[in-house]
PDB file of N, CA and C in Angstrom:
ATOM      1  N   MET A   1     145.165 102.027  90.896  1.00  0.00           N
ATOM      2  CA  MET A   1     144.361 101.856  92.100  1.00  0.00           C
ATOM      3  C   MET A   1     142.986 102.465  91.848  1.00  0.00           C
ATOM      4  N   LYS A   2     141.924 101.718  92.202  1.00  0.00           N
ATOM      5  CA  LYS A   2     140.580 102.225  91.935  1.00  0.00           C
ATOM      6  C   LYS A   2     140.085 103.140  93.046  1.00  0.00           C
ATOM      7  N   ARG A   3     139.130 103.993  92.658  1.00  0.00           N
ATOM      8  CA  ARG A   3     138.545 104.952  93.592  1.00  0.00           C
ATOM      9  C   ARG A   3     137.050 104.686  93.705  1.00  0.00           C
ATOM     10  N   CYS A   4     136.468 105.020  94.847  1.00  0.00           N
ATOM     11  CA  CYS A   4     135.044 104.842  95.098  1.00  0.00           C
ATOM     12  C   CYS A   4     134.233 105.739  94.159  1.00  0.00           C
ATOM     13  N   THR A   5     133.154 105.182  93.623  1.00  0.00           N
ATOM     14  CA  THR A   5     132.320 105.934  92.688  1.00  0.00           C
ATOM     15  C   THR A   5     131.042 106.478  93.326  1.00  0.00           C
ATOM     16  N   TRP A   6     130.890 106.354  94.640  1.00  0.00           N
ATOM     17  CA  TRP A   6     129.701 106.857  95.337  1.00  0.00           C
ATOM     18  C   TRP A   6     129.733 108.375  95.335  1.00  0.00           C
ATOM     19  N   LYS A   7     128.834 108.987  94.597  1.00  0.00           N
ATOM     20  CA  LYS A   7     128.726 110.444  94.500  1.00  0.00           C
ATOM     21  C   LYS A   7     130.110 111.053  94.315  1.00  0.00           C
ATOM     22  N   ASP A   8     130.582 111.865  95.268  1.00  0.00           N
ATOM     23  CA  ASP A   8     131.891 112.521  95.139  1.00  0.00           C
ATOM     24  C   ASP A   8     132.895 111.970  96.136  1.00  0.00           C
ATOM     25  N   CYS A   9     132.780 110.703  96.514  1.00  0.00           N
ATOM     26  CA  CYS A   9     133.628 110.129  97.560  1.00  0.00           C
ATOM     27  C   CYS A   9     135.101 110.089  97.147  1.00  0.00           C
ATOM     28  N   GLY A  10     135.434 109.249  96.178  1.00  0.00           N
ATOM     29  CA  GLY A  10     136.810 109.161  95.709  1.00  0.00           C
ATOM     30  C   GLY A  10     137.776 108.423  96.617  1.00  0.00           C
ATOM     31  N   SER A  11     137.286 107.769  97.672  1.00  0.00           N
ATOM     32  CA  SER A  11     138.146 107.059  98.613  1.00  0.00           C
ATOM     33  C   SER A  11     138.852 105.882  97.945  1.00  0.00           C
ATOM     34  N   TYR A  12     140.027 105.561  98.492  1.00  0.00           N
ATOM     35  CA  TYR A  12     140.783 104.397  98.033  1.00  0.00           C
ATOM     36  C   TYR A  12     140.657 103.233  99.023  1.00  0.00           C
ATOM     37  N   ALA A  13     139.805 103.361 100.052  1.00  0.00           N
ATOM     38  CA  ALA A  13     139.689 102.379 101.128  1.00  0.00           C
ATOM     39  C   ALA A  13     138.834 101.190 100.695  1.00  0.00           C
ATOM     40  N   PHE A  14     139.453 100.206 100.051  1.00  0.00           N
ATOM     41  CA  PHE A  14     138.736  99.031  99.579  1.00  0.00           C
ATOM     42  C   PHE A  14     139.150  97.794 100.353  1.00  0.00           C
ATOM     43  N   ASN A  15     138.164  97.062 100.859  1.00  0.00           N
ATOM     44  CA  ASN A  15     138.369  95.770 101.498  1.00  0.00           C
ATOM     45  C   ASN A  15     139.451  95.799 102.580  1.00  0.00           C
ATOM     46  N   LEU A  16     139.340  96.759 103.478  1.00  0.00           N
ATOM     47  CA  LEU A  16     140.337  96.898 104.543  1.00  0.00           C
ATOM     48  C   LEU A  16     140.308  95.726 105.523  1.00  0.00           C
ATOM     49  N   GLN A  17     139.154  95.067 105.656  1.00  0.00           N
ATOM     50  CA  GLN A  17     139.050  93.935 106.575  1.00  0.00           C
ATOM     51  C   GLN A  17     139.497  92.626 105.919  1.00  0.00           C
ATOM     52  N   LYS A  18     139.902  92.676 104.665  1.00  0.00           N
ATOM     53  CA  LYS A  18     140.366  91.510 103.913  1.00  0.00           C
ATOM     54  C   LYS A  18     139.312  90.404 103.838  1.00  0.00           C
ATOM     55  N   GLU A  19     138.037  90.822 103.791  1.00  0.00           N
ATOM     56  CA  GLU A  19     136.958  89.857 103.629  1.00  0.00           C
ATOM     57  C   GLU A  19     136.855  89.504 102.157  1.00  0.00           C
ATOM     58  N   ASN A  20     136.364  88.341 101.878  1.00  0.00           N
ATOM     59  CA  ASN A  20     136.227  87.887 100.496  1.00  0.00           C
ATOM     60  C   ASN A  20     134.859  88.309  99.956  1.00  0.00           C
ATOM     61  N   ILE A  21     134.694  89.613  99.730  1.00  0.00           N
ATOM     62  CA  ILE A  21     133.436  90.146  99.216  1.00  0.00           C
ATOM     63  C   ILE A  21     133.705  90.923  97.938  1.00  0.00           C
ATOM     64  N   GLU A  22     132.706  90.945  97.063  1.00  0.00           N
ATOM     65  CA  GLU A  22     132.811  91.729  95.828  1.00  0.00           C
ATOM     66  C   GLU A  22     132.019  93.010  96.038  1.00  0.00           C
ATOM     67  N   GLN A  23     132.723  94.100  96.234  1.00  0.00           N
ATOM     68  CA  GLN A  23     132.046  95.358  96.524  1.00  0.00           C
ATOM     69  C   GLN A  23     132.037  96.297  95.333  1.00  0.00           C
ATOM     70  N   GLY A  24     132.419  95.798  94.183  1.00  0.00           N
ATOM     71  CA  GLY A  24     132.327  96.607  92.972  1.00  0.00           C
ATOM     72  C   GLY A  24     133.153  97.874  93.041  1.00  0.00           C
ATOM     73  N   GLU A  25     132.526  98.991  92.746  1.00  0.00           N
ATOM     74  CA  GLU A  25     133.214 100.279  92.690  1.00  0.00           C
ATOM     75  C   GLU A  25     132.990 101.123  93.944  1.00  0.00           C
ATOM     76  N   LEU A  26     132.582 100.485  95.058  1.00  0.00           N
ATOM     77  CA  LEU A  26     132.305 101.221  96.289  1.00  0.00           C
ATOM     78  C   LEU A  26     133.377 100.963  97.337  1.00  0.00           C
ATOM     79  N   CYS A  27     133.783 102.022  98.032  1.00  0.00           N
ATOM     80  CA  CYS A  27     134.729 101.863  99.136  1.00  0.00           C
ATOM     81  C   CYS A  27     134.033 101.107 100.268  1.00  0.00           C
ATOM     82  N   ASP A  28     134.780 100.732 101.279  1.00  0.00           N
ATOM     83  CA  ASP A  28     134.215  99.956 102.374  1.00  0.00           C
ATOM     84  C   ASP A  28     133.001 100.644 102.994  1.00  0.00           C
ATOM     85  N   ARG A  29     133.129 101.917 103.323  1.00  0.00           N
ATOM     86  CA  ARG A  29     132.039 102.648 103.973  1.00  0.00           C
ATOM     87  C   ARG A  29     130.776 102.632 103.117  1.00  0.00           C
ATOM     88  N   HIS A  30     130.916 102.938 101.852  1.00  0.00           N
ATOM     89  CA  HIS A  30     129.740 103.050 100.994  1.00  0.00           C
ATOM     90  C   HIS A  30     129.181 101.690 100.584  1.00  0.00           C
ATOM     91  N   TYR A  31     130.017 100.673 100.527  1.00  0.00           N
ATOM     92  CA  TYR A  31     129.521  99.322 100.265  1.00  0.00           C
ATOM     93  C   TYR A  31     128.566  98.900 101.381  1.00  0.00           C
ATOM     94  N   TRP A  32     128.993  99.064 102.637  1.00  0.00           N
ATOM     95  CA  TRP A  32     128.153  98.645 103.758  1.00  0.00           C
ATOM     96  C   TRP A  32     126.948  99.556 103.914  1.00  0.00           C
ATOM     97  N   GLN A  33     127.087 100.818 103.586  1.00  0.00           N
ATOM     98  CA  GLN A  33     125.951 101.730 103.633  1.00  0.00           C
ATOM     99  C   GLN A  33     124.896 101.304 102.605  1.00  0.00           C
ATOM    100  N   ALA A  34     125.320 100.955 101.398  1.00  0.00           N
ATOM    101  CA  ALA A  34     124.395 100.507 100.359  1.00  0.00           C
ATOM    102  C   ALA A  34     123.712  99.207 100.776  1.00  0.00           C
ATOM    103  N   ARG A  35     124.462  98.289 101.383  1.00  0.00           N
ATOM    104  CA  ARG A  35     123.873  97.026 101.864  1.00  0.00           C
ATOM    105  C   ARG A  35     122.822  97.293 102.934  1.00  0.00           C
ATOM    106  N   PHE A  36     123.118  98.227 103.854  1.00  0.00           N
ATOM    107  CA  PHE A  36     122.154  98.585 104.902  1.00  0.00           C
ATOM    108  C   PHE A  36     120.877  99.156 104.286  1.00  0.00           C
ATOM    109  N   LEU A  37     121.021 100.070 103.331  1.00  0.00           N
ATOM    110  CA  LEU A  37     119.854 100.693 102.710  1.00  0.00           C
ATOM    111  C   LEU A  37     118.999  99.659 101.978  1.00  0.00           C
ATOM    112  N   ALA A  38     119.629  98.703 101.317  1.00  0.00           N
ATOM    113  CA  ALA A  38     118.886  97.658 100.612  1.00  0.00           C
ATOM    114  C   ALA A  38     118.132  96.772 101.607  1.00  0.00           C
ATOM    115  N   THR A  39     118.775  96.418 102.703  1.00  0.00           N
ATOM    116  CA  THR A  39     118.144  95.590 103.728  1.00  0.00           C
ATOM    117  C   THR A  39     116.981  96.333 104.372  1.00  0.00           C
ATOM    118  N   HIS A  40     117.167  97.620 104.628  1.00  0.00           N
ATOM    119  CA  HIS A  40     116.117  98.448 105.213  1.00  0.00           C
ATOM    120  C   HIS A  40     114.905  98.520 104.271  1.00  0.00           C
ATOM    121  N   ALA A  41     115.159  98.685 102.981  1.00  0.00           N
ATOM    122  CA  ALA A  41     114.072  98.740 101.996  1.00  0.00           C
ATOM    123  C   ALA A  41     113.306  97.415 101.960  1.00  0.00           C
ATOM    124  N   ASP A  42     114.024  96.293 102.022  1.00  0.00           N
ATOM    125  CA  ASP A  42     113.368  94.984 102.042  1.00  0.00           C
ATOM    126  C   ASP A  42     112.471  94.846 103.273  1.00  0.00           C
ATOM    127  N   ALA A  43     112.950  95.313 104.418  1.00  0.00           N
ATOM    128  CA  ALA A  43     112.166  95.236 105.656  1.00  0.00           C
ATOM    129  C   ALA A  43     110.909  96.097 105.557  1.00  0.00           C
ATOM    130  N   GLU A  44     111.021  97.270 104.958  1.00  0.00           N
ATOM    131  CA  GLU A  44     109.856  98.141 104.771  1.00  0.00           C
ATOM    132  C   GLU A  44     108.819  97.471 103.874  1.00  0.00           C
ATOM    133  N   ARG A  45     109.270  96.842 102.811  1.00  0.00           N
ATOM    134  CA  ARG A  45     108.351  96.137 101.906  1.00  0.00           C
ATOM    135  C   ARG A  45     107.619  95.018 102.661  1.00  0.00           C
ATOM    136  N   TYR A  46     108.366  94.268 103.442  1.00  0.00           N
ATOM    137  CA  TYR A  46     107.776  93.164 104.203  1.00  0.00           C
ATOM    138  C   TYR A  46     106.729  93.692 105.181  1.00  0.00           C
ATOM    139  N   ARG A  47     107.042  94.779 105.904  1.00  0.00           N
ATOM    140  CA  ARG A  47     106.084  95.343 106.855  1.00  0.00           C
ATOM    141  C   ARG A  47     104.813  95.808 106.142  1.00  0.00           C
ATOM    142  N   TRP A  48     104.977  96.413 104.967  1.00  0.00           N
ATOM    143  CA  TRP A  48     103.813  96.874 104.210  1.00  0.00           C
ATOM    144  C   TRP A  48     102.956  95.690 103.787  1.00  0.00           C
ATOM    145  N   LEU A  49     103.575  94.631 103.259  1.00  0.00           N
ATOM    146  CA  LEU A  49     102.829  93.446 102.847  1.00  0.00           C
ATOM    147  C   LEU A  49     102.071  92.833 104.024  1.00  0.00           C
ATOM    148  N   LYS A  50     102.720  92.824 105.184  1.00  0.00           N
ATOM    149  CA  LYS A  50     102.111  92.232 106.370  1.00  0.00           C
ATOM    150  C   LYS A  50     100.850  92.971 106.803  1.00  0.00           C
ATOM    151  N   LYS A  51     100.841  94.289 106.659  1.00  0.00           N
ATOM    152  CA  LYS A  51      99.693  95.067 107.141  1.00  0.00           C
ATOM    153  C   LYS A  51      98.571  95.196 106.111  1.00  0.00           C
ATOM    154  N   CYS A  52      98.789  94.741 104.884  1.00  0.00           N
ATOM    155  CA  CYS A  52      97.766  94.847 103.831  1.00  0.00           C
ATOM    156  C   CYS A  52      96.541  94.006 104.152  1.00  0.00           C
ATOM    157  N   LYS A  53      95.389  94.538 103.784  1.00  0.00           N
ATOM    158  CA  LYS A  53      94.128  93.812 103.891  1.00  0.00           C
ATOM    159  C   LYS A  53      93.747  93.335 102.499  1.00  0.00           C
ATOM    160  N   ASN A  54      93.164  92.158 102.404  1.00  0.00           N
ATOM    161  CA  ASN A  54      92.722  91.610 101.113  1.00  0.00           C
ATOM    162  C   ASN A  54      93.846  91.619 100.083  1.00  0.00           C
ATOM    163  N   LEU A  55      94.976  91.087 100.438  1.00  0.00           N
ATOM    164  CA  LEU A  55      96.153  91.082  99.572  1.00  0.00           C
ATOM    165  C   LEU A  55      96.120  89.910  98.598  1.00  0.00           C
ATOM    166  N   THR A  56      96.360  90.214  97.330  1.00  0.00           N
ATOM    167  CA  THR A  56      96.521  89.178  96.316  1.00  0.00           C
ATOM    168  C   THR A  56      97.870  89.409  95.656  1.00  0.00           C
ATOM    169  N   LEU A  57      98.745  88.449  95.744  1.00  0.00           N
ATOM    170  CA  LEU A  57     100.064  88.538  95.125  1.00  0.00           C
ATOM    171  C   LEU A  57     100.323  87.196  94.457  1.00  0.00           C
ATOM    172  N   ARG A  58     100.508  87.220  93.156  1.00  0.00           N
ATOM    173  CA  ARG A  58     100.745  85.959  92.450  1.00  0.00           C
ATOM    174  C   ARG A  58     101.647  86.192  91.248  1.00  0.00           C
ATOM    175  N   ALA A  59     102.200  85.104  90.778  1.00  0.00           N
ATOM    176  CA  ALA A  59     103.028  85.164  89.574  1.00  0.00           C
ATOM    177  C   ALA A  59     102.115  85.334  88.365  1.00  0.00           C
ATOM    178  N   ASP A  60     102.597  86.084  87.402  1.00  0.00           N
ATOM    179  CA  ASP A  60     101.827  86.374  86.194  1.00  0.00           C
ATOM    180  C   ASP A  60     102.812  86.386  85.035  1.00  0.00           C
ATOM    181  N   ASP A  61     102.345  86.113  83.839  1.00  0.00           N
ATOM    182  CA  ASP A  61     103.267  86.149  82.697  1.00  0.00           C
ATOM    183  C   ASP A  61     102.722  87.028  81.573  1.00  0.00           C
ATOM    184  N   SER A  62     102.139  88.149  81.961  1.00  0.00           N
ATOM    185  CA  SER A  62     101.609  89.101  80.980  1.00  0.00           C
ATOM    186  C   SER A  62     102.744  89.915  80.365  1.00  0.00           C
ATOM    187  N   ILE A  63     102.513  90.394  79.155  1.00  0.00           N
ATOM    188  CA  ILE A  63     103.457  91.297  78.499  1.00  0.00           C
ATOM    189  C   ILE A  63     102.864  92.697  78.551  1.00  0.00           C
ATOM    190  N   TRP A  64     103.648  93.649  79.045  1.00  0.00           N
ATOM    191  CA  TRP A  64     103.210  95.035  79.174  1.00  0.00           C
ATOM    192  C   TRP A  64     104.093  95.920  78.308  1.00  0.00           C
ATOM    193  N   THR A  65     103.597  97.105  78.020  1.00  0.00           N
ATOM    194  CA  THR A  65     104.363  98.083  77.253  1.00  0.00           C
ATOM    195  C   THR A  65     104.530  99.338  78.087  1.00  0.00           C
ATOM    196  N   LYS A  66     105.778  99.794  78.239  1.00  0.00           N
ATOM    197  CA  LYS A  66     106.064 101.026  78.966  1.00  0.00           C
ATOM    198  C   LYS A  66     105.598 102.223  78.132  1.00  0.00           C
ATOM    199  N   PRO A  67     105.470 103.396  78.743  1.00  0.00           N
ATOM    200  CA  PRO A  67     105.087 104.590  77.986  1.00  0.00           C
ATOM    201  C   PRO A  67     106.031 104.893  76.819  1.00  0.00           C
ATOM    202  N   ASN A  68     107.300 104.486  76.931  1.00  0.00           N
ATOM    203  CA  ASN A  68     108.258 104.745  75.846  1.00  0.00           C
ATOM    204  C   ASN A  68     108.202 103.679  74.743  1.00  0.00           C
ATOM    205  N   GLY A  69     107.262 102.719  74.863  1.00  0.00           N
ATOM    206  CA  GLY A  69     107.070 101.713  73.833  1.00  0.00           C
ATOM    207  C   GLY A  69     107.821 100.411  74.045  1.00  0.00           C
ATOM    208  N   VAL A  70     108.687 100.342  75.054  1.00  0.00           N
ATOM    209  CA  VAL A  70     109.454  99.129  75.327  1.00  0.00           C
ATOM    210  C   VAL A  70     108.555  98.105  76.021  1.00  0.00           C
ATOM    211  N   LYS A  71     108.569  96.871  75.532  1.00  0.00           N
ATOM    212  CA  LYS A  71     107.757  95.807  76.125  1.00  0.00           C
ATOM    213  C   LYS A  71     108.555  95.093  77.217  1.00  0.00           C
ATOM    214  N   PHE A  72     107.846  94.646  78.254  1.00  0.00           N
ATOM    215  CA  PHE A  72     108.488  93.853  79.299  1.00  0.00           C
ATOM    216  C   PHE A  72     107.486  92.851  79.847  1.00  0.00           C
ATOM    217  N   ALA A  73     108.022  91.776  80.409  1.00  0.00           N
ATOM    218  CA  ALA A  73     107.165  90.737  80.997  1.00  0.00           C
ATOM    219  C   ALA A  73     106.922  91.083  82.455  1.00  0.00           C
ATOM    220  N   ASN A  74     105.657  91.181  82.805  1.00  0.00           N
ATOM    221  CA  ASN A  74     105.284  91.435  84.190  1.00  0.00           C
ATOM    222  C   ASN A  74     105.194  90.097  84.897  1.00  0.00           C
ATOM    223  N   ALA A  75     106.091  89.834  85.812  1.00  0.00           N
ATOM    224  CA  ALA A  75     106.128  88.527  86.463  1.00  0.00           C
ATOM    225  C   ALA A  75     105.185  88.436  87.662  1.00  0.00           C
ATOM    226  N   TYR A  76     104.631  89.563  88.121  1.00  0.00           N
ATOM    227  CA  TYR A  76     103.820  89.555  89.335  1.00  0.00           C
ATOM    228  C   TYR A  76     102.537  90.368  89.170  1.00  0.00           C
ATOM    229  N   TYR A  77     101.531  89.963  89.912  1.00  0.00           N
ATOM    230  CA  TYR A  77     100.253  90.656  89.980  1.00  0.00           C
ATOM    231  C   TYR A  77     100.054  91.001  91.446  1.00  0.00           C
ATOM    232  N   LEU A  78      99.725  92.256  91.752  1.00  0.00           N
ATOM    233  CA  LEU A  78      99.522  92.684  93.136  1.00  0.00           C
ATOM    234  C   LEU A  78      98.259  93.505  93.236  1.00  0.00           C
ATOM    235  N   ALA A  79      97.374  93.081  94.130  1.00  0.00           N
ATOM    236  CA  ALA A  79      96.171  93.846  94.449  1.00  0.00           C
ATOM    237  C   ALA A  79      96.017  93.830  95.963  1.00  0.00           C
ATOM    238  N   GLU A  80      95.598  94.949  96.507  1.00  0.00           N
ATOM    239  CA  GLU A  80      95.349  95.006  97.948  1.00  0.00           C
ATOM    240  C   GLU A  80      94.231  96.002  98.194  1.00  0.00           C
ATOM    241  N   GLY A  81      93.370  95.659  99.148  1.00  0.00           N
ATOM    242  CA  GLY A  81      92.269  96.542  99.501  1.00  0.00           C
ATOM    243  C   GLY A  81      91.376  96.903  98.324  1.00  0.00           C
ATOM    244  N   GLY A  82      91.248  96.010  97.359  1.00  0.00           N
ATOM    245  CA  GLY A  82      90.396  96.277  96.210  1.00  0.00           C
ATOM    246  C   GLY A  82      91.047  97.069  95.097  1.00  0.00           C
ATOM    247  N   THR A  83      92.340  97.364  95.215  1.00  0.00           N
ATOM    248  CA  THR A  83      93.062  98.129  94.197  1.00  0.00           C
ATOM    249  C   THR A  83      94.107  97.255  93.529  1.00  0.00           C
ATOM    250  N   GLN A  84      94.022  97.140  92.208  1.00  0.00           N
ATOM    251  CA  GLN A  84      95.078  96.442  91.469  1.00  0.00           C
ATOM    252  C   GLN A  84      96.157  97.460  91.151  1.00  0.00           C
ATOM    253  N   HIS A  85      97.395  97.113  91.427  1.00  0.00           N
ATOM    254  CA  HIS A  85      98.502  98.040  91.209  1.00  0.00           C
ATOM    255  C   HIS A  85      99.103  97.836  89.825  1.00  0.00           C
ATOM    256  N   ALA A  86      99.628  98.920  89.283  1.00  0.00           N
ATOM    257  CA  ALA A  86     100.184  98.911  87.928  1.00  0.00           C
ATOM    258  C   ALA A  86     101.365  97.958  87.829  1.00  0.00           C
ATOM    259  N   ALA A  87     101.584  97.466  86.636  1.00  0.00           N
ATOM    260  CA  ALA A  87     102.671  96.531  86.376  1.00  0.00           C
ATOM    261  C   ALA A  87     104.027  97.182  86.626  1.00  0.00           C
ATOM    262  N   ALA A  88     104.991  96.352  86.975  1.00  0.00           N
ATOM    263  CA  ALA A  88     106.368  96.799  87.162  1.00  0.00           C
ATOM    264  C   ALA A  88     107.278  95.653  86.740  1.00  0.00           C
ATOM    265  N   GLU A  89     108.546  95.966  86.490  1.00  0.00           N
ATOM    266  CA  GLU A  89     109.473  94.948  85.989  1.00  0.00           C
ATOM    267  C   GLU A  89     109.985  94.001  87.055  1.00  0.00           C
ATOM    268  N   SER A  90     109.931  94.399  88.322  1.00  0.00           N
ATOM    269  CA  SER A  90     110.405  93.515  89.394  1.00  0.00           C
ATOM    270  C   SER A  90     109.419  93.557  90.551  1.00  0.00           C
ATOM    271  N   LEU A  91     109.474  92.554  91.396  1.00  0.00           N
ATOM    272  CA  LEU A  91     108.597  92.509  92.560  1.00  0.00           C
ATOM    273  C   LEU A  91     108.881  93.694  93.485  1.00  0.00           C
ATOM    274  N   ASP A  92     110.153  94.000  93.712  1.00  0.00           N
ATOM    275  CA  ASP A  92     110.500  95.139  94.569  1.00  0.00           C
ATOM    276  C   ASP A  92     109.910  96.435  94.025  1.00  0.00           C
ATOM    277  N   GLU A  93     110.044  96.655  92.717  1.00  0.00           N
ATOM    278  CA  GLU A  93     109.524  97.877  92.100  1.00  0.00           C
ATOM    279  C   GLU A  93     107.998  97.925  92.215  1.00  0.00           C
ATOM    280  N   LEU A  94     107.341  96.803  92.039  1.00  0.00           N
ATOM    281  CA  LEU A  94     105.886  96.731  92.138  1.00  0.00           C
ATOM    282  C   LEU A  94     105.432  97.099  93.549  1.00  0.00           C
ATOM    283  N   ILE A  95     106.067  96.525  94.556  1.00  0.00           N
ATOM    284  CA  ILE A  95     105.698  96.816  95.946  1.00  0.00           C
ATOM    285  C   ILE A  95     106.014  98.271  96.274  1.00  0.00           C
ATOM    286  N   ASP A  96     107.163  98.781  95.809  1.00  0.00           N
ATOM    287  CA  ASP A  96     107.513 100.184  96.070  1.00  0.00           C
ATOM    288  C   ASP A  96     106.467 101.132  95.493  1.00  0.00           C
ATOM    289  N   LYS A  97     106.019 100.879  94.271  1.00  0.00           N
ATOM    290  CA  LYS A  97     104.974 101.716  93.654  1.00  0.00           C
ATOM    291  C   LYS A  97     103.680 101.634  94.451  1.00  0.00           C
ATOM    292  N   ALA A  98     103.317 100.432  94.880  1.00  0.00           N
ATOM    293  CA  ALA A  98     102.081 100.244  95.646  1.00  0.00           C
ATOM    294  C   ALA A  98     102.148 100.951  96.999  1.00  0.00           C
ATOM    295  N   THR A  99     103.298 100.905  97.665  1.00  0.00           N
ATOM    296  CA  THR A  99     103.403 101.560  98.976  1.00  0.00           C
ATOM    297  C   THR A  99     103.295 103.063  98.833  1.00  0.00           C
ATOM    298  N   ARG A 100     103.870 103.623  97.786  1.00  0.00           N
ATOM    299  CA  ARG A 100     103.765 105.086  97.597  1.00  0.00           C
ATOM    300  C   ARG A 100     102.327 105.492  97.285  1.00  0.00           C
ATOM    301  N   ARG A 101     101.610 104.654  96.580  1.00  0.00           N
ATOM    302  CA  ARG A 101     100.233 104.969  96.202  1.00  0.00           C
ATOM    303  C   ARG A 101      99.282 104.868  97.389  1.00  0.00           C
ATOM    304  N   SER A 102      99.565 103.963  98.311  1.00  0.00           N
ATOM    305  CA  SER A 102      98.622 103.720  99.407  1.00  0.00           C
ATOM    306  C   SER A 102      98.871 104.611 100.624  1.00  0.00           C
ATOM    307  N   VAL A 103      99.900 105.446 100.571  1.00  0.00           N
ATOM    308  CA  VAL A 103     100.216 106.302 101.740  1.00  0.00           C
ATOM    309  C   VAL A 103      99.266 107.459 101.810  1.00  0.00           C
TER     310      VAL A 103
END
């Protein structure tokens, strides 16, 4: 029987509602908590994008190098208010970095 891997939970409460969902290694409580947090983060990103002035967001296919030397393809370009934001591996990560910088 599997146990929840969320921090120190260890619960055995998996899929008690018998829904056909893949919740991985998370018990029911932590699966829905993680889903809520992800949805909340998406809503925050959307609100930030909505309030931006002079926003430029487009697809890009540049190759960037991380500080550790690993190369990655930057799929997005984001500039707002005259500031171009640093490359990131995903759109969510790019917006998250930009929101922290503009606060």
